Each structure stands twice: as structure tokens, then as C-alpha cells.
Amino acid sequence: MTRTNAPHRLPADVAGMLETFELSLGSLLTTTSAKAMHTAAGGTYNAMHYALPQRQLARAIDPRTVASIAPRGYLPELAALAERTGTVDLAMRHNGCMHATPGCVAGCLAGSGHAALSVKVPAARGRRTLAMVADPVTYTRAMVYAIAAELARAERLGMPCAVRTCGTDETFWAGRTAPITPADAVAIRRRFGVDIETGDALNVAETFAPMRARGALRFYEYLKAHVDAPASPLAWLAAGWQDVTASFAADRSTACRDAIAAVRAGLRVAFPVRLARNAAPLRSVTIETFGDAVTLPAVDGDATGDARWDDPAGSAVILREKRARGADRTIAERFTIADAPTVELADGRLVLTR
């Protein structure tokens, strides 16, 4: 049973890092985004980690950055924090989305919704990202405590919890490990009523193995990495993530071959389609490339928020294109798929059937 009145003392390393980067434990994960709330309405409490994607951290601390809207541009307070913490070089080298295509970068949904209207959103994501690149081990430990807190809230609501560590980037969390001590386990059990594993080098999914085994917690992601890449969806599954959806990138020269490989590896594939509001639902998507083809039953991915685990393996998850404010549409549209019976691509074509 969770003791809501137990004192909330974080380990010194975690507390120090959060203070240094102007963060709090409750600011690491988000549960109030439209997608998270839609997922919660379906019965699963949803927590997501939002960081700055691609090279946006470098852009945000560079006064030479030219941007179409303020949230995509230079953030003086974040630049000052990078200077103060000695993380400028790390920030300038950071790439949060190693597998992103030009169209994905241009139309990134990190620039949609409230994030496109207020610099406070990218600034908060920037502080998380600075902390994450400055001290990956301590940040991973902080994430353990943050996930435990969200698990406790889910328990109070009588819901299972789903955690997505890459809400706006593709950091390889499956390979990020930290020491989780018996003292951590005691503190987390006492404060949050959550059981965890301990060890010298555990990722967050391994840490919460007891809660995953009980069905109280699910780790899931969308990924653009190839199935044969070191940080492939299969590597995430092997590291303890229960559910991974491959993302179709129409502007990739191997888009069709990559999607077929993902399907044959047992994954579903998400397709961003430029659907009109009144468009009839799709029944299937056929991927054709160099004499090879697979046909996938289509499911409406917008109907259930982010609950991809409810969609069958080997399905085409149809997501209506969401537009990012300030995006270069001529580049961004290359990443998405036209709503047409046949869509020709670099290495094949898609056949959309109603």
C-alpha cells in the first residue's frame, strides 16, 4: 500500500542534478498532453518523457539560430544554463533523433500544440535534455523515481500505467543503465508502494520488472530505427520494452523495404497519412518493393490515443497527419503519405484500400 504521507527524500545525486538543471521530479514526465489524456480515457494512465529532438538543443543555445517561430529558435535562458553547467559542448554535439529523415525533422510534432505557442515548453524540454546529456546515469536514476511516482498515481486511480520514454526524440533508453541500490528499493517501496529490482547496471524497464510482471506497467515506443540497427526495435524489446511500433518514413530511400522487414520481424507499422477530416477509413495498406509485397490490415491509430499495444502485430496503424507550426511544408510533406489509391516512393509503392 502506498504511504502518501511518507517523507519524500530523493537520493543526494538525484536531488542535486534536478536542482542544478532547474527541474523537479514531477517535471520529468508528462501525463496531461492530449494524447496521454486520450489514452487515459481508454483506461490506461499514460506518462511520457519529452526531450528536445534531433539537433534542436544545439539550435536552442546558439544565438545565430534563425527560426520561423520563437519556440523553434534561440532560448537565452537555456543557453545561460548550458554555460553555467559547462554543458555547451555536449549540447552542441547532441542529436536526439539519429534515425530521423529531413521530412521528419521539418514536420516534427515537437513543434505542434502548446509547444508551438510558448517558449516555456521547449525550454522545459531543453532543461531535461541538458541534464540527460550531462549525466546520463543520474538522469536514469531520476527517471526511476519519476516513473515510480507515476505508478503510484496510476494505482490510486485504479489503472495500469504505460510509459513512453521517447515522446519527442529517439534516445536509446534501452541501453541507458544506472546502479539501482537496495536503499533505492527501500525508499521507493516506502514512498510509492512500488517494487523494483536492484543491480549495478539496470535500464528503467529492467528496474521495474516486478511491476511489469504484474501487469501494472508497460513500456512502449514508436521508433524509426531499422530492424537491423544497433538501436533497433528488436533491441528495445530484448531490453524489456513490451511494445514497439515501427514508424514509416516516406522520404527514406528504403522506406518500403524497411517497413516490410519490420512486419516480418513481428512489428506493426505506423503510417502518417494526409487524411481529410471526413475521409472514409482505410481497410488495408499494401507495401510493394522489387517484386516483394505484404498487405496489412489497417487500424485507426487516432481512435485510442497512444494505446498501440491494443493493435495487432503486422497491422498498419493509420495516423492522421498533425501539422507542426512553422514547419516547411514542402519538406515536411515528403515524410507523410498522400491519401491516394497508389503512392509511389523511392523503393516501391503503397496501395491504400478502402
Protein backbone atom coordinates (compact mmCIF):
# COMPACT_ATOMS: atom_id res chain seq x y z
CA MET A 1 0.00 0.00 0.00
CA THR A 2 1.34 3.43 -0.93
CA ARG A 3 2.03 5.69 2.05
CA THR A 4 1.04 9.10 0.68
CA ASN A 5 2.25 10.78 3.89
CA ALA A 6 5.71 9.22 3.84
CA PRO A 7 8.57 11.76 3.62
CA HIS A 8 9.76 12.23 0.05
CA ARG A 9 13.55 12.29 0.25
CA LEU A 10 15.37 11.82 -3.02
CA PRO A 11 18.93 10.45 -3.11
CA ALA A 12 21.52 13.23 -2.98
CA ASP A 13 22.75 12.62 -6.53
CA VAL A 14 19.25 12.80 -7.99
CA ALA A 15 18.21 15.81 -5.91
CA GLY A 16 21.42 17.65 -6.79
CA MET A 17 21.06 17.07 -10.51
CA LEU A 18 17.43 18.19 -10.51
CA GLU A 19 18.34 21.37 -8.65
CA THR A 20 21.27 22.12 -10.95
CA PHE A 21 19.12 21.91 -14.07
CA GLU A 22 16.09 23.67 -12.55
CA LEU A 23 13.93 20.56 -12.65
CA SER A 24 11.68 18.74 -10.20
CA LEU A 25 10.80 15.06 -10.04
CA GLY A 26 7.28 15.84 -11.19
CA SER A 27 8.55 17.74 -14.23
CA LEU A 28 10.34 14.78 -15.85
CA LEU A 29 7.24 13.00 -17.17
CA THR A 30 4.09 14.44 -18.71
CA THR A 31 0.61 12.97 -18.23
CA THR A 32 -1.53 15.90 -19.42
CA SER A 33 -0.83 16.01 -23.16
CA ALA A 34 -3.84 15.47 -25.40
CA LYS A 35 -2.56 12.04 -26.44
CA ALA A 36 -1.84 10.94 -22.85
CA MET A 37 -5.28 12.07 -21.69
CA HIS A 38 -6.94 10.27 -24.61
CA THR A 39 -5.08 7.10 -23.64
CA ALA A 40 -6.13 7.54 -20.01
CA ALA A 41 -9.76 7.91 -21.11
CA GLY A 42 -9.41 4.40 -22.52
CA GLY A 43 -8.32 3.01 -19.15
CA THR A 44 -4.51 3.28 -19.14
CA TYR A 45 -2.66 6.00 -17.25
CA ASN A 46 -0.09 7.38 -19.70
CA ALA A 47 3.21 9.09 -18.84
CA MET A 48 5.62 10.38 -21.50
CA HIS A 49 9.11 11.82 -21.45
CA TYR A 50 9.55 14.82 -23.74
CA ALA A 51 13.05 15.98 -24.70
CA LEU A 52 14.29 18.21 -27.50
CA PRO A 53 14.58 16.16 -30.72
CA GLN A 54 17.23 15.99 -33.45
CA ARG A 55 19.67 18.92 -33.22
CA GLN A 56 17.22 21.27 -31.54
CA LEU A 57 19.21 21.50 -28.32
CA ALA A 58 22.16 22.93 -30.27
CA ARG A 59 19.86 25.36 -32.09
CA ALA A 60 18.25 26.47 -28.84
CA ILE A 61 21.54 27.58 -27.27
CA ASP A 62 23.04 29.16 -30.40
CA PRO A 63 22.31 32.91 -30.75
CA ARG A 64 22.88 32.64 -34.50
CA THR A 65 19.80 30.41 -34.91
CA VAL A 66 17.20 31.71 -37.34
CA ALA A 67 13.73 30.21 -36.82
CA SER A 68 10.25 30.61 -38.29
CA ILE A 69 8.66 30.84 -34.80
CA ALA A 70 10.14 31.67 -31.39
CA PRO A 71 9.79 28.17 -29.84
CA ARG A 72 11.97 26.76 -32.62
CA GLY A 73 14.66 29.38 -32.09
CA TYR A 74 17.29 30.63 -29.68
CA LEU A 75 16.38 30.35 -25.98
CA PRO A 76 18.66 32.70 -23.99
CA GLU A 77 17.81 31.23 -20.57
CA LEU A 78 18.62 27.72 -21.78
CA ALA A 79 21.89 28.96 -23.28
CA ALA A 80 22.77 30.57 -19.94
CA LEU A 81 22.03 27.30 -18.13
CA ALA A 82 24.28 25.40 -20.55
CA GLU A 83 27.09 27.91 -19.90
CA ARG A 84 26.57 27.76 -16.14
CA THR A 85 26.63 23.95 -16.04
CA GLY A 86 29.50 23.53 -18.50
CA THR A 87 27.35 21.54 -20.94
CA VAL A 88 27.66 23.71 -24.07
CA ASP A 89 29.93 21.30 -25.94
CA LEU A 90 27.74 18.31 -25.07
CA ALA A 91 24.63 20.21 -26.13
CA MET A 92 26.15 21.27 -29.45
CA ARG A 93 27.01 17.65 -30.25
CA HIS A 94 23.69 16.14 -29.15
CA ASN A 95 21.40 14.55 -31.74
CA GLY A 96 18.22 13.20 -30.20
CA CYS A 97 16.98 11.51 -33.36
CA MET A 98 19.74 9.63 -35.15
CA HIS A 99 17.26 7.94 -37.50
CA ALA A 100 15.18 10.98 -38.47
CA THR A 101 14.76 11.90 -42.13
CA PRO A 102 14.66 15.50 -43.44
CA GLY A 103 10.88 15.38 -43.67
CA CYS A 104 10.59 14.07 -40.13
CA VAL A 105 12.84 16.88 -38.87
CA ALA A 106 10.92 19.57 -40.76
CA GLY A 107 7.48 18.40 -39.62
CA CYS A 108 8.45 17.22 -36.13
CA LEU A 109 5.47 17.18 -33.78
CA ALA A 110 7.68 18.56 -31.03
CA GLY A 111 6.69 21.84 -32.69
CA SER A 112 2.95 21.29 -32.51
CA GLY A 113 0.26 22.14 -29.98
CA HIS A 114 1.26 24.24 -26.97
CA ALA A 115 4.95 23.66 -27.79
CA ALA A 116 4.49 25.85 -30.88
CA LEU A 117 2.89 28.70 -28.94
CA SER A 118 5.10 29.18 -25.89
CA VAL A 119 8.87 29.11 -25.43
CA LYS A 120 8.26 27.69 -21.95
CA VAL A 121 7.64 24.23 -23.44
CA PRO A 122 10.90 23.87 -25.43
CA ALA A 123 12.76 25.49 -22.52
CA ALA A 124 11.50 22.80 -20.13
CA ARG A 125 12.32 20.09 -22.65
CA GLY A 126 15.72 21.69 -23.10
CA ARG A 127 16.48 21.57 -19.37
CA ARG A 128 15.59 17.87 -19.33
CA THR A 129 17.77 17.25 -22.37
CA LEU A 130 20.72 19.16 -20.91
CA ALA A 131 20.50 17.13 -17.71
CA MET A 132 20.17 13.92 -19.70
CA VAL A 133 23.31 14.54 -21.79
CA ALA A 134 25.29 15.98 -18.87
CA ASP A 135 24.82 12.99 -16.56
CA PRO A 136 23.01 10.07 -18.23
CA VAL A 137 23.46 7.78 -15.23
CA THR A 138 21.97 10.12 -12.63
CA TYR A 139 19.23 11.14 -15.04
CA THR A 140 18.31 7.48 -15.48
CA ARG A 141 18.13 7.15 -11.70
CA ALA A 142 15.90 10.23 -11.58
CA MET A 143 13.65 8.64 -14.18
CA VAL A 144 13.29 5.56 -11.96
CA TYR A 145 11.95 7.73 -9.15
CA ALA A 146 9.72 9.69 -11.55
CA ILE A 147 8.23 6.51 -13.02
CA ALA A 148 7.64 5.13 -9.53
CA ALA A 149 5.73 8.32 -8.66
CA GLU A 150 3.53 7.95 -11.74
CA LEU A 151 2.93 4.29 -10.94
CA ALA A 152 1.68 5.32 -7.51
CA ARG A 153 -0.73 7.80 -9.11
CA ALA A 154 -1.96 5.15 -11.54
CA GLU A 155 -2.55 2.79 -8.62
CA ARG A 156 -4.65 5.40 -6.83
CA LEU A 157 -6.72 5.79 -9.99
CA GLY A 158 -7.09 2.02 -10.36
CA MET A 159 -5.34 1.99 -13.74
CA PRO A 160 -2.34 0.24 -15.26
CA CYS A 161 0.44 2.62 -16.30
CA ALA A 162 2.09 2.94 -19.71
CA VAL A 163 5.39 4.81 -20.07
CA ARG A 164 6.87 6.14 -23.29
CA THR A 165 10.43 7.37 -22.79
CA CYS A 166 10.76 8.84 -26.30
CA GLY A 167 7.78 11.16 -26.62
CA THR A 168 9.60 13.60 -28.91
CA ASP A 169 13.01 12.07 -29.59
CA GLU A 170 14.65 8.68 -30.05
CA THR A 171 17.23 8.45 -27.28
CA PHE A 172 18.23 4.82 -26.81
CA TRP A 173 16.80 4.37 -23.33
CA ALA A 174 17.01 0.60 -23.70
CA GLY A 175 20.78 0.94 -23.50
CA ARG A 176 20.90 3.53 -20.70
CA THR A 177 21.71 1.88 -17.40
CA ALA A 178 22.33 3.01 -13.84
CA PRO A 179 23.07 1.45 -10.45
CA ILE A 180 19.86 0.85 -8.50
CA THR A 181 20.68 0.10 -4.88
CA PRO A 182 18.85 -1.67 -2.04
CA ALA A 183 18.48 1.79 -0.46
CA ASP A 184 16.65 2.94 -3.60
CA ALA A 185 14.36 -0.08 -3.43
CA VAL A 186 13.52 0.59 0.22
CA ALA A 187 12.88 4.30 -0.41
CA ILE A 188 10.71 3.66 -3.46
CA ARG A 189 8.72 0.95 -1.71
CA ARG A 190 8.19 3.14 1.34
CA ARG A 191 7.20 6.29 -0.54
CA PHE A 192 5.42 4.91 -3.61
CA GLY A 193 4.44 1.34 -2.77
CA VAL A 194 6.32 0.15 -5.85
CA ASP A 195 8.63 -2.87 -6.06
CA ILE A 196 11.80 -2.66 -8.13
CA GLU A 197 14.85 -4.75 -8.96
CA THR A 198 18.32 -3.74 -7.81
CA GLY A 199 21.61 -4.11 -9.63
CA ASP A 200 24.78 -2.42 -10.80
CA ALA A 201 23.56 -1.56 -14.30
CA LEU A 202 19.83 -1.69 -14.99
CA ASN A 203 17.75 0.16 -17.55
CA VAL A 204 14.37 1.51 -16.49
CA ALA A 205 12.42 -1.47 -17.88
CA GLU A 206 14.67 -3.96 -16.08
CA THR A 207 14.33 -1.93 -12.89
CA PHE A 208 10.56 -2.23 -12.96
CA ALA A 209 10.45 -5.93 -13.89
CA PRO A 210 8.26 -6.82 -10.85
CA MET A 211 5.64 -4.22 -11.83
CA ARG A 212 5.74 -5.28 -15.49
CA ALA A 213 5.22 -8.90 -14.44
CA ARG A 214 2.10 -7.90 -12.51
CA GLY A 215 0.64 -6.06 -15.49
CA ALA A 216 0.85 -2.75 -13.62
CA LEU A 217 3.34 -1.16 -16.02
CA ARG A 218 4.04 -1.25 -19.73
CA PHE A 219 6.96 0.35 -21.57
CA TYR A 220 6.29 1.16 -25.23
CA GLU A 221 7.74 3.26 -28.06
CA TYR A 222 7.46 4.34 -31.68
CA LEU A 223 10.80 4.03 -33.46
CA LYS A 224 12.25 4.94 -36.85
CA ALA A 225 15.40 2.84 -36.44
CA HIS A 226 15.87 0.00 -38.93
CA VAL A 227 15.28 -3.51 -37.59
CA ASP A 228 18.96 -4.31 -38.20
CA ALA A 229 20.32 -1.17 -36.49
CA PRO A 230 22.12 -1.42 -33.12
CA ALA A 231 19.26 0.59 -31.55
CA SER A 232 16.61 -1.33 -33.49
CA PRO A 233 13.08 -2.00 -32.24
CA LEU A 234 14.19 -5.58 -31.58
CA ALA A 235 16.95 -4.33 -29.27
CA TRP A 236 14.35 -2.41 -27.26
CA LEU A 237 12.14 -5.49 -26.98
CA ALA A 238 15.10 -7.59 -25.87
CA ALA A 239 15.88 -4.95 -23.21
CA GLY A 240 12.47 -5.25 -21.56
CA TRP A 241 10.15 -2.96 -23.51
CA GLN A 242 6.85 -4.76 -24.04
CA ASP A 243 5.65 -2.97 -27.15
CA VAL A 244 7.31 -1.19 -30.09
CA THR A 245 5.74 0.25 -33.23
CA ALA A 246 7.88 0.92 -36.30
CA SER A 247 7.33 4.34 -37.92
CA PHE A 248 7.08 4.61 -41.70
CA ALA A 249 9.26 7.38 -43.18
CA ALA A 250 8.08 8.01 -46.73
CA ASP A 251 11.10 10.17 -47.59
CA ARG A 252 13.61 7.44 -46.76
CA SER A 253 15.16 5.78 -49.81
CA THR A 254 14.50 2.35 -48.27
CA ALA A 255 11.04 3.14 -46.82
CA CYS A 256 9.19 0.16 -48.29
CA ARG A 257 11.93 -2.38 -47.66
CA ASP A 258 12.32 -1.17 -44.08
CA ALA A 259 8.59 -1.47 -43.43
CA ILE A 260 8.41 -5.00 -44.83
CA ALA A 261 11.42 -6.01 -42.71
CA ALA A 262 9.69 -4.58 -39.63
CA VAL A 263 6.49 -6.53 -40.36
CA ARG A 264 8.41 -9.75 -40.86
CA ALA A 265 10.16 -9.13 -37.55
CA GLY A 266 6.75 -9.16 -35.88
CA LEU A 267 6.11 -5.42 -35.60
CA ARG A 268 3.21 -3.20 -36.59
CA VAL A 269 3.94 -0.09 -38.68
CA ALA A 270 2.56 3.42 -38.16
CA PHE A 271 1.73 5.41 -41.31
CA PRO A 272 1.18 9.21 -41.13
CA VAL A 273 -1.41 9.93 -43.83
CA ARG A 274 -2.69 13.29 -45.06
CA LEU A 275 -6.33 12.41 -44.42
CA ALA A 276 -9.17 14.86 -44.80
CA ARG A 277 -11.39 15.23 -41.74
CA ASN A 278 -14.28 13.42 -43.40
CA ALA A 279 -12.19 10.73 -45.11
CA ALA A 280 -13.54 7.18 -45.06
CA PRO A 281 -11.38 4.78 -43.01
CA LEU A 282 -8.79 2.65 -44.76
CA ARG A 283 -9.19 -1.14 -44.76
CA SER A 284 -5.63 -2.11 -45.67
CA VAL A 285 -2.22 -0.92 -46.81
CA THR A 286 -0.15 -2.95 -49.27
CA ILE A 287 3.60 -2.32 -49.38
CA GLU A 288 5.29 -3.31 -52.65
CA THR A 289 9.01 -3.25 -53.39
CA PHE A 290 11.08 -5.02 -56.06
CA GLY A 291 8.75 -7.98 -56.51
CA ASP A 292 8.04 -8.34 -52.81
CA ALA A 293 4.79 -7.28 -51.15
CA VAL A 294 2.82 -7.51 -47.92
CA THR A 295 -0.74 -6.41 -47.19
CA LEU A 296 -1.53 -5.13 -43.70
CA PRO A 297 -4.98 -4.66 -42.17
CA ALA A 298 -5.46 -1.01 -41.26
CA VAL A 299 -6.45 0.27 -37.82
CA ASP A 300 -7.34 3.81 -36.79
CA GLY A 301 -4.44 4.84 -34.57
CA ASP A 302 -6.09 8.09 -33.51
CA ALA A 303 -9.12 6.34 -32.01
CA THR A 304 -7.35 5.05 -28.90
CA GLY A 305 -4.80 7.74 -28.06
CA ASP A 306 -1.37 6.12 -27.72
CA ALA A 307 -2.57 2.60 -26.84
CA ARG A 308 -0.69 0.88 -29.64
CA TRP A 309 -0.41 -2.34 -27.65
CA ASP A 310 -4.10 -2.93 -28.40
CA ASP A 311 -3.35 -3.00 -32.14
CA PRO A 312 -2.31 -6.36 -33.62
CA ALA A 313 1.21 -7.11 -34.78
CA GLY A 314 1.52 -6.86 -38.53
CA SER A 315 -1.09 -4.11 -38.81
CA ALA A 316 -0.93 -0.69 -40.44
CA VAL A 317 -1.63 1.97 -37.81
CA ILE A 318 -3.14 4.92 -39.66
CA LEU A 319 -2.37 8.26 -38.04
CA ARG A 320 -3.87 11.45 -39.42
CA GLU A 321 -1.11 13.93 -40.23
CA LYS A 322 -0.62 16.51 -37.48
CA ARG A 323 0.90 19.76 -38.64
CA ALA A 324 3.70 21.47 -36.77
CA ARG A 325 3.54 25.25 -36.62
CA GLY A 326 6.34 26.95 -38.53
CA ALA A 327 7.25 23.82 -40.50
CA ASP A 328 8.49 23.99 -44.06
CA ARG A 329 5.58 22.17 -45.71
CA THR A 330 7.49 21.40 -48.92
CA ILE A 331 9.93 19.28 -46.89
CA ALA A 332 7.58 18.04 -44.16
CA GLU A 333 5.08 16.59 -46.64
CA ARG A 334 7.74 14.26 -48.01
CA PHE A 335 7.60 12.38 -44.70
CA THR A 336 3.84 11.88 -44.78
CA ILE A 337 1.71 9.88 -47.20
CA ALA A 338 -0.83 11.30 -49.62
CA ASP A 339 -4.36 9.94 -49.31
CA ALA A 340 -4.40 8.34 -52.75
CA PRO A 341 -5.06 4.81 -54.05
CA THR A 342 -1.40 4.43 -55.02
CA VAL A 343 1.59 6.31 -53.62
CA GLU A 344 4.87 5.96 -55.48
CA LEU A 345 8.02 6.02 -53.34
CA ALA A 346 11.78 5.70 -53.91
CA ASP A 347 11.94 1.94 -53.48
CA GLY A 348 8.38 0.85 -54.20
CA ARG A 349 4.84 1.94 -53.62
CA LEU A 350 1.92 1.86 -51.21
CA VAL A 351 -1.58 0.80 -52.17
CA LEU A 352 -4.24 2.27 -49.85
CA THR A 353 -7.51 0.36 -49.96
CA ARG A 354 -10.93 1.41 -48.63
